[in-house]
């Protein structure tokens, strides 16, 4: 009886780990598939239009919707989003680790899909009118509070952005969590020099089959 009891305890402790590992493997497979779909779509568009590289899909004179149309045309099946409900609803993305605003955990980017592929991956694209531009944002302390100067004005960080367009994937769709960078959502930047780079590091997924993120709840104060 004691032996059976020990086995039962061990099984109860092991089962959640096995379930979590299985879920991660499933999500890793989905992320790899979604990334491969995106890469193939960009390459097919470039080939069809006799471009030297995938950067030709981006045009600073076009809108984000026009960019989405170009990309969607390379997918077989799927759903082009025309309203913000169901599989096309807008969500807020969690950072890959706890992110604080005014002392509480918060979300970062907004994610409103332009289309959903036949396997359920949601895609968002953003086209910019220039590839190099100045940007500012308020400085924040470690708890996410805005830092003010002696005159009561927010202190600003000034920097440059060097991308022409952004591409997002949500490997399991907006209706399924965790809706977090490093887990099911990844962002890629098409830079001014034509390079396509991963903003959210996808390398661990592709090389190690691992997701690198820290789960957290929104609205929790920093401990």
C-alpha atoms as a PDB file:
ATOM      1  CA  UNK A   1       0.000   0.000   0.000  1.00  0.00           C
ATOM      2  CA  UNK A   2       2.835   2.359   0.871  1.00  0.00           C
ATOM      3  CA  UNK A   3       4.520   1.579  -2.448  1.00  0.00           C
ATOM      4  CA  UNK A   4       1.302   2.212  -4.359  1.00  0.00           C
ATOM      5  CA  UNK A   5       0.865   5.467  -2.486  1.00  0.00           C
ATOM      6  CA  UNK A   6       4.344   6.624  -3.426  1.00  0.00           C
ATOM      7  CA  UNK A   7       3.763   5.694  -7.058  1.00  0.00           C
ATOM      8  CA  UNK A   8       0.523   7.654  -7.013  1.00  0.00           C
ATOM      9  CA  UNK A   9       2.225  10.739  -5.601  1.00  0.00           C
ATOM     10  CA  UNK A  10       5.031  10.543  -8.154  1.00  0.00           C
ATOM     11  CA  UNK A  11       2.515  10.121 -10.968  1.00  0.00           C
ATOM     12  CA  UNK A  12       0.525  13.113  -9.737  1.00  0.00           C
ATOM     13  CA  UNK A  13       3.690  15.205  -9.671  1.00  0.00           C
ATOM     14  CA  UNK A  14       4.907  13.986 -13.063  1.00  0.00           C
ATOM     15  CA  UNK A  15       1.664  14.285 -15.032  1.00  0.00           C
ATOM     16  CA  UNK A  16       1.509  18.128 -15.110  1.00  0.00           C
ATOM     17  CA  UNK A  17       5.110  18.209 -16.347  1.00  0.00           C
ATOM     18  CA  UNK A  18       4.346  15.703 -19.099  1.00  0.00           C
ATOM     19  CA  UNK A  19       1.271  17.674 -20.148  1.00  0.00           C
ATOM     20  CA  UNK A  20       3.238  20.939 -20.201  1.00  0.00           C
ATOM     21  CA  UNK A  21       6.023  19.341 -22.251  1.00  0.00           C
ATOM     22  CA  UNK A  22       3.496  17.944 -24.726  1.00  0.00           C
ATOM     23  CA  UNK A  23       1.808  21.330 -25.115  1.00  0.00           C
ATOM     24  CA  UNK A  24       5.161  22.980 -25.749  1.00  0.00           C
ATOM     25  CA  UNK A  25       6.063  20.421 -28.418  1.00  0.00           C
ATOM     26  CA  UNK A  26       2.719  20.981 -30.140  1.00  0.00           C
ATOM     27  CA  UNK A  27       3.197  24.758 -30.068  1.00  0.00           C
ATOM     28  CA  UNK A  28       6.803  24.495 -31.280  1.00  0.00           C
ATOM     29  CA  UNK A  29       5.581  22.487 -34.267  1.00  0.00           C
ATOM     30  CA  UNK A  30       2.937  25.130 -35.009  1.00  0.00           C
ATOM     31  CA  UNK A  31       5.441  27.987 -34.764  1.00  0.00           C
ATOM     32  CA  UNK A  32       7.856  26.238 -37.129  1.00  0.00           C
ATOM     33  CA  UNK A  33       5.032  25.613 -39.607  1.00  0.00           C
ATOM     34  CA  UNK A  34       3.807  29.224 -39.423  1.00  0.00           C
ATOM     35  CA  UNK A  35       7.301  30.608 -39.906  1.00  0.00           C
ATOM     36  CA  UNK A  36       7.892  28.286 -42.850  1.00  0.00           C
ATOM     37  CA  UNK A  37       4.603  29.412 -44.420  1.00  0.00           C
ATOM     38  CA  UNK A  38       5.606  33.058 -44.095  1.00  0.00           C
ATOM     39  CA  UNK A  39       9.060  32.468 -45.560  1.00  0.00           C
ATOM     40  CA  UNK A  40       7.647  30.491 -48.477  1.00  0.00           C
ATOM     41  CA  UNK A  41       4.993  33.134 -49.207  1.00  0.00           C
ATOM     42  CA  UNK A  42       7.610  35.892 -49.318  1.00  0.00           C
ATOM     43  CA  UNK A  43       9.906  33.839 -51.558  1.00  0.00           C
ATOM     44  CA  UNK A  44       7.070  32.893 -53.932  1.00  0.00           C
ATOM     45  CA  UNK A  45       6.024  36.531 -54.271  1.00  0.00           C
ATOM     46  CA  UNK A  46       9.611  37.514 -55.044  1.00  0.00           C
ATOM     47  CA  UNK A  47       9.930  34.745 -57.644  1.00  0.00           C
ATOM     48  CA  UNK A  48       6.636  35.607 -59.347  1.00  0.00           C
ATOM     49  CA  UNK A  49       7.650  39.258 -59.602  1.00  0.00           C
ATOM     50  CA  UNK A  50      11.235  38.508 -60.648  1.00  0.00           C
ATOM     51  CA  UNK A  51      12.708  40.240 -57.602  1.00  0.00           C
ATOM     52  CA  UNK A  52      16.248  39.749 -56.402  1.00  0.00           C
ATOM     53  CA  UNK A  53      15.066  39.232 -52.810  1.00  0.00           C
ATOM     54  CA  UNK A  54      11.926  39.196 -50.644  1.00  0.00           C
ATOM     55  CA  UNK A  55      12.120  42.914 -49.842  1.00  0.00           C
ATOM     56  CA  UNK A  56      10.237  43.769 -53.042  1.00  0.00           C
ATOM     57  CA  UNK A  57       6.924  42.905 -51.371  1.00  0.00           C
ATOM     58  CA  UNK A  58       7.341  46.087 -49.340  1.00  0.00           C
ATOM     59  CA  UNK A  59       6.612  49.472 -50.922  1.00  0.00           C
ATOM     60  CA  UNK A  60       6.636  52.686 -48.909  1.00  0.00           C
ATOM     61  CA  UNK A  61       3.892  54.038 -51.196  1.00  0.00           C
ATOM     62  CA  UNK A  62       1.458  51.249 -50.338  1.00  0.00           C
ATOM     63  CA  UNK A  63      -0.833  50.721 -47.341  1.00  0.00           C
ATOM     64  CA  UNK A  64      -0.690  47.900 -44.819  1.00  0.00           C
ATOM     65  CA  UNK A  65      -3.836  46.420 -46.388  1.00  0.00           C
ATOM     66  CA  UNK A  66      -2.190  46.387 -49.806  1.00  0.00           C
ATOM     67  CA  UNK A  67       0.811  44.607 -48.329  1.00  0.00           C
ATOM     68  CA  UNK A  68      -1.561  42.108 -46.689  1.00  0.00           C
ATOM     69  CA  UNK A  69      -3.260  41.461 -50.041  1.00  0.00           C
ATOM     70  CA  UNK A  70       0.097  40.681 -51.648  1.00  0.00           C
ATOM     71  CA  UNK A  71       1.072  38.271 -48.889  1.00  0.00           C
ATOM     72  CA  UNK A  72      -2.354  36.605 -48.666  1.00  0.00           C
ATOM     73  CA  UNK A  73      -2.291  35.935 -52.410  1.00  0.00           C
ATOM     74  CA  UNK A  74       0.530  33.449 -51.798  1.00  0.00           C
ATOM     75  CA  UNK A  75      -1.522  31.300 -49.415  1.00  0.00           C
ATOM     76  CA  UNK A  76      -3.870  28.527 -50.490  1.00  0.00           C
ATOM     77  CA  UNK A  77      -7.175  29.025 -48.716  1.00  0.00           C
ATOM     78  CA  UNK A  78      -7.523  30.921 -45.479  1.00  0.00           C
ATOM     79  CA  UNK A  79      -9.636  33.885 -44.416  1.00  0.00           C
ATOM     80  CA  UNK A  80      -9.022  37.560 -45.228  1.00  0.00           C
ATOM     81  CA  UNK A  81     -10.112  39.653 -42.233  1.00  0.00           C
ATOM     82  CA  UNK A  82     -12.729  42.338 -42.880  1.00  0.00           C
ATOM     83  CA  UNK A  83     -14.056  42.749 -39.329  1.00  0.00           C
ATOM     84  CA  UNK A  84     -12.678  42.548 -35.798  1.00  0.00           C
ATOM     85  CA  UNK A  85     -14.452  39.523 -34.363  1.00  0.00           C
ATOM     86  CA  UNK A  86     -13.818  35.804 -33.895  1.00  0.00           C
ATOM     87  CA  UNK A  87     -10.576  34.644 -35.462  1.00  0.00           C
ATOM     88  CA  UNK A  88      -9.914  38.211 -36.636  1.00  0.00           C
ATOM     89  CA  UNK A  89     -10.447  40.003 -33.325  1.00  0.00           C
ATOM     90  CA  UNK A  90      -7.852  42.440 -32.016  1.00  0.00           C
ATOM     91  CA  UNK A  91      -5.809  41.421 -28.973  1.00  0.00           C
ATOM     92  CA  UNK A  92      -2.963  42.823 -26.864  1.00  0.00           C
ATOM     93  CA  UNK A  93       0.285  40.868 -26.845  1.00  0.00           C
ATOM     94  CA  UNK A  94       2.193  40.038 -23.684  1.00  0.00           C
ATOM     95  CA  UNK A  95       5.932  40.603 -23.699  1.00  0.00           C
ATOM     96  CA  UNK A  96       8.177  37.529 -23.579  1.00  0.00           C
ATOM     97  CA  UNK A  97       8.795  38.328 -19.916  1.00  0.00           C
ATOM     98  CA  UNK A  98       6.908  40.407 -17.325  1.00  0.00           C
ATOM     99  CA  UNK A  99       6.564  43.985 -18.565  1.00  0.00           C
ATOM    100  CA  UNK A 100       5.554  46.722 -16.139  1.00  0.00           C
ATOM    101  CA  UNK A 101       3.578  49.926 -16.600  1.00  0.00           C
ATOM    102  CA  UNK A 102       2.815  52.011 -13.511  1.00  0.00           C
ATOM    103  CA  UNK A 103       3.909  49.204 -11.219  1.00  0.00           C
ATOM    104  CA  UNK A 104       1.759  46.450 -12.729  1.00  0.00           C
ATOM    105  CA  UNK A 105       2.290  43.841 -15.403  1.00  0.00           C
ATOM    106  CA  UNK A 106       0.995  44.978 -18.779  1.00  0.00           C
ATOM    107  CA  UNK A 107       0.808  44.089 -22.457  1.00  0.00           C
ATOM    108  CA  UNK A 108       2.812  45.538 -25.308  1.00  0.00           C
ATOM    109  CA  UNK A 109       1.918  45.594 -29.000  1.00  0.00           C
ATOM    110  CA  UNK A 110      -1.615  45.312 -30.341  1.00  0.00           C
ATOM    111  CA  UNK A 111      -2.325  42.440 -32.717  1.00  0.00           C
ATOM    112  CA  UNK A 112      -5.153  42.766 -35.245  1.00  0.00           C
ATOM    113  CA  UNK A 113      -4.843  40.023 -37.894  1.00  0.00           C
ATOM    114  CA  UNK A 114      -5.012  40.881 -41.585  1.00  0.00           C
ATOM    115  CA  UNK A 115      -5.729  37.266 -42.452  1.00  0.00           C
ATOM    116  CA  UNK A 116      -5.784  33.745 -41.054  1.00  0.00           C
ATOM    117  CA  UNK A 117      -4.264  30.838 -42.974  1.00  0.00           C
ATOM    118  CA  UNK A 118      -6.009  27.509 -43.492  1.00  0.00           C
ATOM    119  CA  UNK A 119      -4.071  25.946 -40.601  1.00  0.00           C
ATOM    120  CA  UNK A 120      -5.257  28.611 -38.140  1.00  0.00           C
ATOM    121  CA  UNK A 121      -2.208  30.877 -38.023  1.00  0.00           C
ATOM    122  CA  UNK A 122      -3.087  34.571 -37.736  1.00  0.00           C
ATOM    123  CA  UNK A 123      -0.928  37.030 -39.676  1.00  0.00           C
ATOM    124  CA  UNK A 124      -0.547  40.768 -39.208  1.00  0.00           C
ATOM    125  CA  UNK A 125       1.505  43.125 -41.385  1.00  0.00           C
ATOM    126  CA  UNK A 126       2.384  46.797 -41.023  1.00  0.00           C
ATOM    127  CA  UNK A 127       3.721  48.896 -43.893  1.00  0.00           C
ATOM    128  CA  UNK A 128       5.524  52.178 -43.156  1.00  0.00           C
ATOM    129  CA  UNK A 129       5.863  55.172 -45.459  1.00  0.00           C
ATOM    130  CA  UNK A 130       9.585  55.420 -44.787  1.00  0.00           C
ATOM    131  CA  UNK A 131      12.247  52.899 -43.821  1.00  0.00           C
ATOM    132  CA  UNK A 132      14.346  55.137 -41.563  1.00  0.00           C
ATOM    133  CA  UNK A 133      12.639  57.466 -39.099  1.00  0.00           C
ATOM    134  CA  UNK A 134      13.058  59.158 -35.748  1.00  0.00           C
ATOM    135  CA  UNK A 135      11.062  57.992 -32.747  1.00  0.00           C
ATOM    136  CA  UNK A 136      10.639  58.930 -29.094  1.00  0.00           C
ATOM    137  CA  UNK A 137       9.172  57.238 -26.047  1.00  0.00           C
ATOM    138  CA  UNK A 138       8.955  58.205 -22.369  1.00  0.00           C
ATOM    139  CA  UNK A 139      11.641  56.844 -20.078  1.00  0.00           C
ATOM    140  CA  UNK A 140      10.389  54.475 -17.374  1.00  0.00           C
ATOM    141  CA  UNK A 141      11.927  53.163 -14.169  1.00  0.00           C
ATOM    142  CA  UNK A 142      12.230  49.452 -13.310  1.00  0.00           C
ATOM    143  CA  UNK A 143       8.619  49.426 -12.098  1.00  0.00           C
ATOM    144  CA  UNK A 144       7.258  50.933 -15.283  1.00  0.00           C
ATOM    145  CA  UNK A 145       6.583  54.432 -13.963  1.00  0.00           C
ATOM    146  CA  UNK A 146       7.293  57.352 -16.302  1.00  0.00           C
ATOM    147  CA  UNK A 147      10.324  59.393 -15.250  1.00  0.00           C
ATOM    148  CA  UNK A 148       9.739  63.163 -15.099  1.00  0.00           C
ATOM    149  CA  UNK A 149      12.273  65.974 -15.176  1.00  0.00           C
ATOM    150  CA  UNK A 150      12.490  68.857 -12.699  1.00  0.00           C
ATOM    151  CA  UNK A 151       9.854  70.777 -14.665  1.00  0.00           C
ATOM    152  CA  UNK A 152       7.344  67.952 -14.547  1.00  0.00           C
ATOM    153  CA  UNK A 153       7.784  66.909 -18.161  1.00  0.00           C
ATOM    154  CA  UNK A 154       8.324  63.267 -19.152  1.00  0.00           C
ATOM    155  CA  UNK A 155      11.943  62.447 -19.941  1.00  0.00           C
ATOM    156  CA  UNK A 156      12.156  61.080 -23.468  1.00  0.00           C
ATOM    157  CA  UNK A 157      14.361  58.492 -25.114  1.00  0.00           C
ATOM    158  CA  UNK A 158      15.192  59.374 -28.708  1.00  0.00           C
ATOM    159  CA  UNK A 159      16.168  56.725 -31.228  1.00  0.00           C
ATOM    160  CA  UNK A 160      15.894  55.699 -34.876  1.00  0.00           C
ATOM    161  CA  UNK A 161      13.841  52.921 -36.434  1.00  0.00           C
ATOM    162  CA  UNK A 162      15.237  51.145 -39.472  1.00  0.00           C
ATOM    163  CA  UNK A 163      12.458  48.887 -40.744  1.00  0.00           C
ATOM    164  CA  UNK A 164      10.132  49.310 -43.729  1.00  0.00           C
ATOM    165  CA  UNK A 165       7.534  46.746 -42.724  1.00  0.00           C
ATOM    166  CA  UNK A 166       6.615  44.392 -39.889  1.00  0.00           C
ATOM    167  CA  UNK A 167       5.283  40.846 -40.087  1.00  0.00           C
ATOM    168  CA  UNK A 168       3.623  39.096 -37.139  1.00  0.00           C
ATOM    169  CA  UNK A 169       2.561  35.471 -36.743  1.00  0.00           C
ATOM    170  CA  UNK A 170       0.281  34.018 -34.078  1.00  0.00           C
ATOM    171  CA  UNK A 171       0.841  30.297 -34.535  1.00  0.00           C
ATOM    172  CA  UNK A 172      -2.355  29.136 -32.832  1.00  0.00           C
ATOM    173  CA  UNK A 173      -4.625  32.090 -33.591  1.00  0.00           C
ATOM    174  CA  UNK A 174      -5.897  34.983 -31.495  1.00  0.00           C
ATOM    175  CA  UNK A 175      -8.613  32.917 -29.800  1.00  0.00           C
ATOM    176  CA  UNK A 176      -6.026  30.659 -28.146  1.00  0.00           C
ATOM    177  CA  UNK A 177      -3.479  31.731 -25.568  1.00  0.00           C
ATOM    178  CA  UNK A 178      -1.050  32.584 -24.315  1.00  0.00           C
ATOM    179  CA  UNK A 179      -0.848  35.360 -26.964  1.00  0.00           C
ATOM    180  CA  UNK A 180       2.673  36.133 -25.858  1.00  0.00           C
ATOM    181  CA  UNK A 181       5.929  36.950 -27.620  1.00  0.00           C
ATOM    182  CA  UNK A 182       8.300  33.994 -27.505  1.00  0.00           C
ATOM    183  CA  UNK A 183       5.449  31.517 -27.147  1.00  0.00           C
ATOM    184  CA  UNK A 184       2.858  31.628 -29.932  1.00  0.00           C
ATOM    185  CA  UNK A 185       3.532  35.133 -31.319  1.00  0.00           C
ATOM    186  CA  UNK A 186       6.627  36.317 -33.195  1.00  0.00           C
ATOM    187  CA  UNK A 187       7.500  39.536 -34.991  1.00  0.00           C
ATOM    188  CA  UNK A 188       9.822  39.974 -37.957  1.00  0.00           C
ATOM    189  CA  UNK A 189      11.236  43.232 -39.313  1.00  0.00           C
ATOM    190  CA  UNK A 190      11.938  43.894 -42.983  1.00  0.00           C
ATOM    191  CA  UNK A 191      14.807  46.348 -42.663  1.00  0.00           C
ATOM    192  CA  UNK A 192      15.882  49.238 -44.886  1.00  0.00           C
ATOM    193  CA  UNK A 193      18.768  47.112 -46.201  1.00  0.00           C
ATOM    194  CA  UNK A 194      16.434  44.328 -47.331  1.00  0.00           C
ATOM    195  CA  UNK A 195      17.233  42.003 -44.434  1.00  0.00           C
ATOM    196  CA  UNK A 196      14.416  40.040 -42.804  1.00  0.00           C
ATOM    197  CA  UNK A 197      15.201  39.734 -39.098  1.00  0.00           C
ATOM    198  CA  UNK A 198      13.482  38.233 -36.080  1.00  0.00           C
ATOM    199  CA  UNK A 199      12.492  40.866 -33.519  1.00  0.00           C
ATOM    200  CA  UNK A 200      11.180  38.154 -31.200  1.00  0.00           C
ATOM    201  CA  UNK A 201      13.971  35.586 -31.089  1.00  0.00           C
ATOM    202  CA  UNK A 202      12.761  32.526 -32.989  1.00  0.00           C
ATOM    203  CA  UNK A 203      16.198  30.866 -33.076  1.00  0.00           C
ATOM    204  CA  UNK A 204      15.569  28.697 -29.949  1.00  0.00           C
ATOM    205  CA  UNK A 205      12.450  27.323 -31.628  1.00  0.00           C
ATOM    206  CA  UNK A 206      14.215  26.516 -34.886  1.00  0.00           C
ATOM    207  CA  UNK A 207      17.463  25.137 -33.442  1.00  0.00           C
ATOM    208  CA  UNK A 208      16.508  23.657 -30.071  1.00  0.00           C
ATOM    209  CA  UNK A 209      12.766  23.122 -30.355  1.00  0.00           C
ATOM    210  CA  UNK A 210      12.277  25.290 -27.265  1.00  0.00           C
ATOM    211  CA  UNK A 211      10.032  28.227 -26.418  1.00  0.00           C
ATOM    212  CA  UNK A 212      11.752  30.977 -24.431  1.00  0.00           C
ATOM    213  CA  UNK A 213       9.257  33.082 -22.516  1.00  0.00           C
ATOM    214  CA  UNK A 214       8.043  33.678 -18.963  1.00  0.00           C
ATOM    215  CA  UNK A 215       4.280  33.304 -18.413  1.00  0.00           C
ATOM    216  CA  UNK A 216       2.614  36.088 -16.433  1.00  0.00           C
ATOM    217  CA  UNK A 217      -0.796  37.535 -15.648  1.00  0.00           C
ATOM    218  CA  UNK A 218      -1.844  41.066 -16.561  1.00  0.00           C
ATOM    219  CA  UNK A 219      -2.400  43.621 -13.812  1.00  0.00           C
ATOM    220  CA  UNK A 220      -0.215  42.015 -11.152  1.00  0.00           C
ATOM    221  CA  UNK A 221       1.893  44.389  -8.999  1.00  0.00           C
ATOM    222  CA  UNK A 222       5.651  43.927  -8.989  1.00  0.00           C
ATOM    223  CA  UNK A 223       6.808  41.898  -6.009  1.00  0.00           C
END
